Amino acid sequence: MRGPIAPPQVPLSVSRADAFADLVYDSRDRLERRWPQLAEVEFLASEVPAFGPEEDAALAADAGGVPLGRLLPASDGHRDRVVIYRRPVEIRTKNRDERALLVHEVVVEQVAELLGLAPESVDPRYGQD
């Protein structure tokens, strides 16, 4: 009889994309305790940036390479959205702990841009890890 290696509720069955999305949501949850208005913001995990060629070049130049995240202001019936890009983050990290730290830093930076604050104001521990 063949079947799954582990039941669905066991972490082995969590895909890399799902595990990454969980890191984004964990970071959002940490920040929402301090900034309740973030409940109105949509947080997303995406594989890679998907912009038009002009936007890609401008964002890459601003970020010094491929962007790790992006703030999409509310428009066309969508709420403000914070998008974190999985593949660029994974390439820059060696393990889950490093990935969690980098995801949180990128989320803090995007939230800081949204709120018009310094990242250190959004999360006092920003940059200390």
N, C-alpha and C. Protein backbone atom coordinates (compact mmCIF):
# COMPACT_ATOMS: atom_id res chain seq x y z
N MET A 1 0.85 -1.17 0.00
CA MET A 1 0.00 0.00 0.00
C MET A 1 0.89 1.23 0.00
N ARG A 2 0.59 2.15 -0.88
CA ARG A 2 1.35 3.39 -0.97
C ARG A 2 0.49 4.52 -0.46
N GLY A 3 1.15 5.48 0.16
CA GLY A 3 0.43 6.63 0.67
C GLY A 3 1.41 7.72 1.06
N PRO A 4 0.91 8.77 1.65
CA PRO A 4 1.80 9.88 2.03
C PRO A 4 2.79 9.43 3.12
N ILE A 5 3.93 10.07 3.15
CA ILE A 5 4.95 9.79 4.15
C ILE A 5 4.46 10.20 5.53
N ALA A 6 3.72 11.30 5.59
CA ALA A 6 3.24 11.82 6.86
C ALA A 6 1.83 12.37 6.66
N PRO A 7 1.04 12.36 7.72
CA PRO A 7 -0.31 12.94 7.61
C PRO A 7 -0.24 14.45 7.34
N PRO A 8 -1.31 15.02 6.78
CA PRO A 8 -1.29 16.44 6.39
C PRO A 8 -0.97 17.41 7.53
N GLN A 9 -1.30 17.09 8.78
CA GLN A 9 -1.07 18.02 9.88
C GLN A 9 0.38 18.02 10.37
N VAL A 10 1.19 17.09 9.88
CA VAL A 10 2.60 17.01 10.28
C VAL A 10 3.42 17.96 9.43
N PRO A 11 4.36 18.70 10.02
CA PRO A 11 5.13 19.69 9.26
C PRO A 11 5.81 19.17 7.99
N LEU A 12 6.09 17.89 7.89
CA LEU A 12 6.71 17.36 6.67
C LEU A 12 5.85 17.59 5.44
N SER A 13 4.55 17.73 5.64
CA SER A 13 3.66 17.89 4.51
C SER A 13 3.48 19.36 4.11
N VAL A 14 4.13 20.25 4.78
CA VAL A 14 4.02 21.67 4.45
C VAL A 14 5.00 22.00 3.32
N SER A 15 4.48 22.58 2.26
CA SER A 15 5.34 22.94 1.14
C SER A 15 6.25 24.11 1.51
N ARG A 16 7.30 24.30 0.74
CA ARG A 16 8.19 25.43 0.99
C ARG A 16 7.45 26.75 0.86
N ALA A 17 6.54 26.82 -0.11
CA ALA A 17 5.75 28.05 -0.30
C ALA A 17 4.85 28.32 0.90
N ASP A 18 4.23 27.25 1.43
CA ASP A 18 3.36 27.42 2.60
C ASP A 18 4.17 27.81 3.83
N ALA A 19 5.34 27.18 4.00
CA ALA A 19 6.20 27.52 5.14
C ALA A 19 6.65 28.97 5.05
N PHE A 20 6.94 29.44 3.85
CA PHE A 20 7.35 30.84 3.66
C PHE A 20 6.19 31.78 3.98
N ALA A 21 5.01 31.45 3.48
CA ALA A 21 3.82 32.28 3.76
C ALA A 21 3.59 32.36 5.26
N ASP A 22 3.82 31.25 5.97
CA ASP A 22 3.67 31.26 7.43
C ASP A 22 4.63 32.25 8.08
N LEU A 23 5.86 32.37 7.55
CA LEU A 23 6.82 33.34 8.09
C LEU A 23 6.30 34.77 7.90
N VAL A 24 5.73 35.03 6.73
CA VAL A 24 5.16 36.36 6.45
C VAL A 24 4.02 36.64 7.42
N TYR A 25 3.13 35.67 7.62
CA TYR A 25 1.99 35.88 8.51
C TYR A 25 2.41 36.00 9.96
N ASP A 26 3.44 35.26 10.37
CA ASP A 26 3.96 35.40 11.74
C ASP A 26 4.48 36.81 11.97
N SER A 27 5.19 37.32 10.99
CA SER A 27 5.72 38.68 11.10
C SER A 27 4.59 39.70 11.17
N ARG A 28 3.59 39.51 10.31
CA ARG A 28 2.42 40.40 10.33
C ARG A 28 1.75 40.37 11.70
N ASP A 29 1.56 39.18 12.25
CA ASP A 29 0.90 39.04 13.54
C ASP A 29 1.68 39.75 14.64
N ARG A 30 3.01 39.63 14.62
CA ARG A 30 3.83 40.33 15.62
C ARG A 30 3.64 41.83 15.54
N LEU A 31 3.59 42.36 14.31
CA LEU A 31 3.46 43.81 14.13
C LEU A 31 2.04 44.30 14.41
N GLU A 32 1.04 43.47 14.12
CA GLU A 32 -0.36 43.87 14.34
C GLU A 32 -0.65 44.14 15.81
N ARG A 33 0.04 43.46 16.71
CA ARG A 33 -0.17 43.70 18.14
C ARG A 33 0.17 45.15 18.49
N ARG A 34 1.17 45.69 17.85
CA ARG A 34 1.59 47.06 18.11
C ARG A 34 0.88 48.06 17.21
N TRP A 35 0.54 47.66 16.01
CA TRP A 35 -0.06 48.52 15.00
C TRP A 35 -1.38 47.89 14.53
N PRO A 36 -2.47 48.06 15.30
CA PRO A 36 -3.75 47.41 14.95
C PRO A 36 -4.28 47.78 13.56
N GLN A 37 -3.90 48.93 13.04
CA GLN A 37 -4.38 49.33 11.72
C GLN A 37 -3.87 48.40 10.62
N LEU A 38 -2.90 47.56 10.91
CA LEU A 38 -2.39 46.62 9.91
C LEU A 38 -3.40 45.50 9.61
N ALA A 39 -4.43 45.39 10.44
CA ALA A 39 -5.48 44.42 10.16
C ALA A 39 -6.18 44.73 8.84
N GLU A 40 -6.09 45.99 8.40
CA GLU A 40 -6.71 46.40 7.14
C GLU A 40 -5.79 46.21 5.94
N VAL A 41 -4.57 45.73 6.17
CA VAL A 41 -3.59 45.55 5.10
C VAL A 41 -3.52 44.08 4.74
N GLU A 42 -3.42 43.79 3.46
CA GLU A 42 -3.29 42.42 2.99
C GLU A 42 -1.80 42.08 2.86
N PHE A 43 -1.38 40.98 3.47
CA PHE A 43 0.01 40.52 3.41
C PHE A 43 0.05 39.27 2.55
N LEU A 44 0.95 39.27 1.56
CA LEU A 44 1.02 38.18 0.60
C LEU A 44 2.46 37.68 0.43
N ALA A 45 2.58 36.42 0.10
CA ALA A 45 3.86 35.85 -0.28
C ALA A 45 3.75 35.48 -1.75
N SER A 46 4.74 35.88 -2.53
CA SER A 46 4.75 35.58 -3.95
C SER A 46 6.10 34.95 -4.30
N GLU A 47 6.13 34.17 -5.36
CA GLU A 47 7.38 33.49 -5.74
C GLU A 47 8.48 34.48 -6.11
N VAL A 48 8.21 35.33 -7.08
CA VAL A 48 9.19 36.28 -7.60
C VAL A 48 8.47 37.57 -7.99
N PRO A 49 9.21 38.67 -8.09
CA PRO A 49 8.57 39.91 -8.56
C PRO A 49 8.04 39.72 -9.97
N ALA A 50 6.88 40.25 -10.24
CA ALA A 50 6.27 40.16 -11.57
C ALA A 50 5.76 41.54 -11.96
N PHE A 51 6.65 42.33 -12.50
CA PHE A 51 6.32 43.69 -12.93
C PHE A 51 6.59 43.82 -14.42
N GLY A 52 6.17 44.95 -14.95
CA GLY A 52 6.52 45.25 -16.33
C GLY A 52 8.02 45.54 -16.43
N PRO A 53 8.58 45.47 -17.62
CA PRO A 53 10.04 45.66 -17.79
C PRO A 53 10.55 46.99 -17.24
N GLU A 54 9.80 48.08 -17.42
CA GLU A 54 10.26 49.37 -16.92
C GLU A 54 10.28 49.38 -15.39
N GLU A 55 9.21 48.84 -14.79
CA GLU A 55 9.14 48.79 -13.34
C GLU A 55 10.24 47.90 -12.77
N ASP A 56 10.47 46.74 -13.41
CA ASP A 56 11.52 45.82 -12.96
C ASP A 56 12.87 46.52 -12.90
N ALA A 57 13.22 47.21 -13.97
CA ALA A 57 14.51 47.88 -14.03
C ALA A 57 14.62 48.96 -12.96
N ALA A 58 13.56 49.74 -12.77
CA ALA A 58 13.59 50.81 -11.78
C ALA A 58 13.67 50.24 -10.36
N LEU A 59 12.88 49.22 -10.06
CA LEU A 59 12.90 48.62 -8.73
C LEU A 59 14.24 47.94 -8.46
N ALA A 60 14.77 47.24 -9.43
CA ALA A 60 16.06 46.56 -9.24
C ALA A 60 17.16 47.58 -9.01
N ALA A 61 17.13 48.69 -9.72
CA ALA A 61 18.14 49.73 -9.53
C ALA A 61 18.03 50.35 -8.15
N ASP A 62 16.79 50.63 -7.70
CA ASP A 62 16.58 51.20 -6.37
C ASP A 62 17.02 50.25 -5.27
N ALA A 63 16.73 48.97 -5.44
CA ALA A 63 17.02 47.98 -4.40
C ALA A 63 18.44 47.44 -4.50
N GLY A 64 19.17 47.81 -5.54
CA GLY A 64 20.51 47.27 -5.72
C GLY A 64 20.45 45.82 -6.18
N GLY A 65 19.39 45.41 -6.81
CA GLY A 65 19.20 44.04 -7.27
C GLY A 65 17.73 43.70 -7.30
N VAL A 66 17.43 42.43 -7.21
CA VAL A 66 16.04 41.97 -7.21
C VAL A 66 15.38 42.35 -5.89
N PRO A 67 14.20 42.97 -5.93
CA PRO A 67 13.54 43.37 -4.68
C PRO A 67 13.09 42.15 -3.87
N LEU A 68 13.11 42.29 -2.55
CA LEU A 68 12.67 41.24 -1.64
C LEU A 68 11.22 41.39 -1.27
N GLY A 69 10.69 42.60 -1.42
CA GLY A 69 9.30 42.87 -1.08
C GLY A 69 8.84 44.14 -1.74
N ARG A 70 7.54 44.39 -1.63
CA ARG A 70 6.99 45.58 -2.26
C ARG A 70 5.70 45.98 -1.56
N LEU A 71 5.48 47.27 -1.47
CA LEU A 71 4.23 47.82 -0.97
C LEU A 71 3.39 48.23 -2.17
N LEU A 72 2.18 47.72 -2.23
CA LEU A 72 1.24 48.10 -3.29
C LEU A 72 0.12 48.90 -2.65
N PRO A 73 0.09 50.21 -2.87
CA PRO A 73 -0.95 51.05 -2.28
C PRO A 73 -2.35 50.64 -2.75
N ALA A 74 -3.33 50.92 -1.94
CA ALA A 74 -4.72 50.59 -2.27
C ALA A 74 -5.10 51.19 -3.61
N SER A 75 -5.77 50.37 -4.44
CA SER A 75 -6.27 50.86 -5.73
C SER A 75 -7.19 49.82 -6.33
N ASP A 76 -8.06 50.25 -7.21
CA ASP A 76 -8.96 49.35 -7.94
C ASP A 76 -9.69 48.36 -7.03
N GLY A 77 -10.16 48.81 -5.89
CA GLY A 77 -10.91 47.95 -4.99
C GLY A 77 -10.06 47.07 -4.09
N HIS A 78 -8.74 47.15 -4.23
CA HIS A 78 -7.84 46.38 -3.37
C HIS A 78 -7.40 47.22 -2.19
N ARG A 79 -7.19 46.56 -1.07
CA ARG A 79 -6.61 47.24 0.10
C ARG A 79 -5.12 47.42 -0.15
N ASP A 80 -4.45 48.17 0.77
CA ASP A 80 -3.00 48.21 0.73
C ASP A 80 -2.50 46.79 0.84
N ARG A 81 -1.43 46.47 0.08
CA ARG A 81 -0.88 45.12 0.10
C ARG A 81 0.63 45.18 0.30
N VAL A 82 1.12 44.29 1.14
CA VAL A 82 2.54 44.09 1.32
C VAL A 82 2.86 42.72 0.75
N VAL A 83 3.77 42.69 -0.23
CA VAL A 83 4.13 41.44 -0.89
C VAL A 83 5.59 41.14 -0.59
N ILE A 84 5.86 39.92 -0.14
CA ILE A 84 7.22 39.47 0.11
C ILE A 84 7.52 38.35 -0.89
N TYR A 85 8.69 38.43 -1.54
CA TYR A 85 9.05 37.50 -2.61
C TYR A 85 9.91 36.35 -2.08
N ARG A 86 9.37 35.14 -2.21
CA ARG A 86 10.00 33.95 -1.62
C ARG A 86 11.36 33.62 -2.22
N ARG A 87 11.47 33.50 -3.52
CA ARG A 87 12.72 33.04 -4.13
C ARG A 87 13.88 34.00 -3.85
N PRO A 88 13.73 35.30 -4.01
CA PRO A 88 14.85 36.19 -3.69
C PRO A 88 15.28 36.11 -2.22
N VAL A 89 14.31 35.92 -1.31
CA VAL A 89 14.64 35.79 0.12
C VAL A 89 15.37 34.47 0.35
N GLU A 90 14.87 33.39 -0.23
CA GLU A 90 15.51 32.08 -0.04
C GLU A 90 16.95 32.07 -0.55
N ILE A 91 17.19 32.73 -1.66
CA ILE A 91 18.53 32.77 -2.24
C ILE A 91 19.51 33.46 -1.30
N ARG A 92 19.04 34.42 -0.53
CA ARG A 92 19.90 35.21 0.36
C ARG A 92 20.05 34.62 1.76
N THR A 93 19.39 33.49 2.03
CA THR A 93 19.45 32.90 3.37
C THR A 93 19.87 31.44 3.29
N LYS A 94 20.46 30.96 4.39
CA LYS A 94 20.97 29.59 4.43
C LYS A 94 20.04 28.61 5.13
N ASN A 95 19.22 29.12 6.06
CA ASN A 95 18.36 28.22 6.83
C ASN A 95 17.08 28.95 7.25
N ARG A 96 16.21 28.22 7.92
CA ARG A 96 14.90 28.77 8.30
C ARG A 96 15.03 29.97 9.24
N ASP A 97 15.97 29.91 10.18
CA ASP A 97 16.13 31.03 11.12
C ASP A 97 16.54 32.31 10.40
N GLU A 98 17.51 32.20 9.49
CA GLU A 98 17.93 33.37 8.72
C GLU A 98 16.78 33.87 7.86
N ARG A 99 16.03 32.94 7.28
CA ARG A 99 14.90 33.31 6.43
C ARG A 99 13.85 34.06 7.25
N ALA A 100 13.55 33.57 8.45
CA ALA A 100 12.56 34.23 9.31
C ALA A 100 13.00 35.65 9.65
N LEU A 101 14.30 35.83 9.95
CA LEU A 101 14.81 37.17 10.27
C LEU A 101 14.71 38.11 9.07
N LEU A 102 15.10 37.61 7.90
CA LEU A 102 15.05 38.46 6.71
C LEU A 102 13.61 38.79 6.33
N VAL A 103 12.72 37.82 6.40
CA VAL A 103 11.31 38.09 6.10
C VAL A 103 10.79 39.18 7.03
N HIS A 104 11.09 39.07 8.31
CA HIS A 104 10.59 40.08 9.25
C HIS A 104 11.17 41.46 8.93
N GLU A 105 12.46 41.52 8.60
CA GLU A 105 13.04 42.82 8.25
C GLU A 105 12.36 43.42 7.04
N VAL A 106 12.10 42.61 6.03
CA VAL A 106 11.45 43.12 4.81
C VAL A 106 10.02 43.56 5.12
N VAL A 107 9.29 42.78 5.91
CA VAL A 107 7.93 43.17 6.29
C VAL A 107 7.97 44.49 7.05
N VAL A 108 8.89 44.63 8.00
CA VAL A 108 9.01 45.87 8.78
C VAL A 108 9.30 47.05 7.84
N GLU A 109 10.20 46.87 6.89
CA GLU A 109 10.53 47.95 5.95
C GLU A 109 9.32 48.37 5.13
N GLN A 110 8.54 47.40 4.67
CA GLN A 110 7.36 47.73 3.86
C GLN A 110 6.28 48.40 4.70
N VAL A 111 6.09 47.93 5.92
CA VAL A 111 5.11 48.55 6.83
C VAL A 111 5.57 49.97 7.18
N ALA A 112 6.86 50.16 7.39
CA ALA A 112 7.38 51.49 7.68
C ALA A 112 7.09 52.45 6.53
N GLU A 113 7.27 51.97 5.31
CA GLU A 113 6.95 52.80 4.15
C GLU A 113 5.46 53.13 4.12
N LEU A 114 4.63 52.15 4.39
CA LEU A 114 3.18 52.35 4.40
C LEU A 114 2.77 53.39 5.44
N LEU A 115 3.36 53.28 6.65
CA LEU A 115 2.98 54.18 7.75
C LEU A 115 3.75 55.50 7.74
N GLY A 116 4.74 55.62 6.86
CA GLY A 116 5.53 56.85 6.81
C GLY A 116 6.44 57.01 8.02
N LEU A 117 6.96 55.89 8.53
CA LEU A 117 7.81 55.90 9.73
C LEU A 117 9.14 55.24 9.42
N ALA A 118 10.08 55.41 10.32
CA ALA A 118 11.35 54.70 10.22
C ALA A 118 11.12 53.25 10.65
N PRO A 119 11.84 52.30 10.06
CA PRO A 119 11.67 50.89 10.47
C PRO A 119 11.85 50.67 11.97
N GLU A 120 12.76 51.42 12.59
CA GLU A 120 13.00 51.28 14.03
C GLU A 120 11.79 51.71 14.85
N SER A 121 10.97 52.59 14.29
CA SER A 121 9.74 53.00 14.97
C SER A 121 8.66 51.92 14.87
N VAL A 122 8.65 51.21 13.77
CA VAL A 122 7.68 50.14 13.56
C VAL A 122 8.01 48.95 14.46
N ASP A 123 9.28 48.59 14.52
CA ASP A 123 9.74 47.50 15.39
C ASP A 123 11.07 47.91 15.99
N PRO A 124 11.10 48.23 17.29
CA PRO A 124 12.34 48.70 17.93
C PRO A 124 13.51 47.72 17.82
N ARG A 125 13.22 46.45 17.55
CA ARG A 125 14.30 45.46 17.42
C ARG A 125 14.81 45.35 15.98
N TYR A 126 14.29 46.16 15.08
CA TYR A 126 14.72 46.13 13.69
C TYR A 126 16.22 46.34 13.57
N GLY A 127 16.88 45.47 12.81
CA GLY A 127 18.31 45.63 12.56
C GLY A 127 19.22 45.17 13.68
N GLN A 128 18.67 44.67 14.77
CA GLN A 128 19.50 44.26 15.91
C GLN A 128 19.88 42.80 15.87
N ASP A 129 19.28 42.03 15.00
CA ASP A 129 19.56 40.58 14.97
C ASP A 129 20.74 40.28 14.09
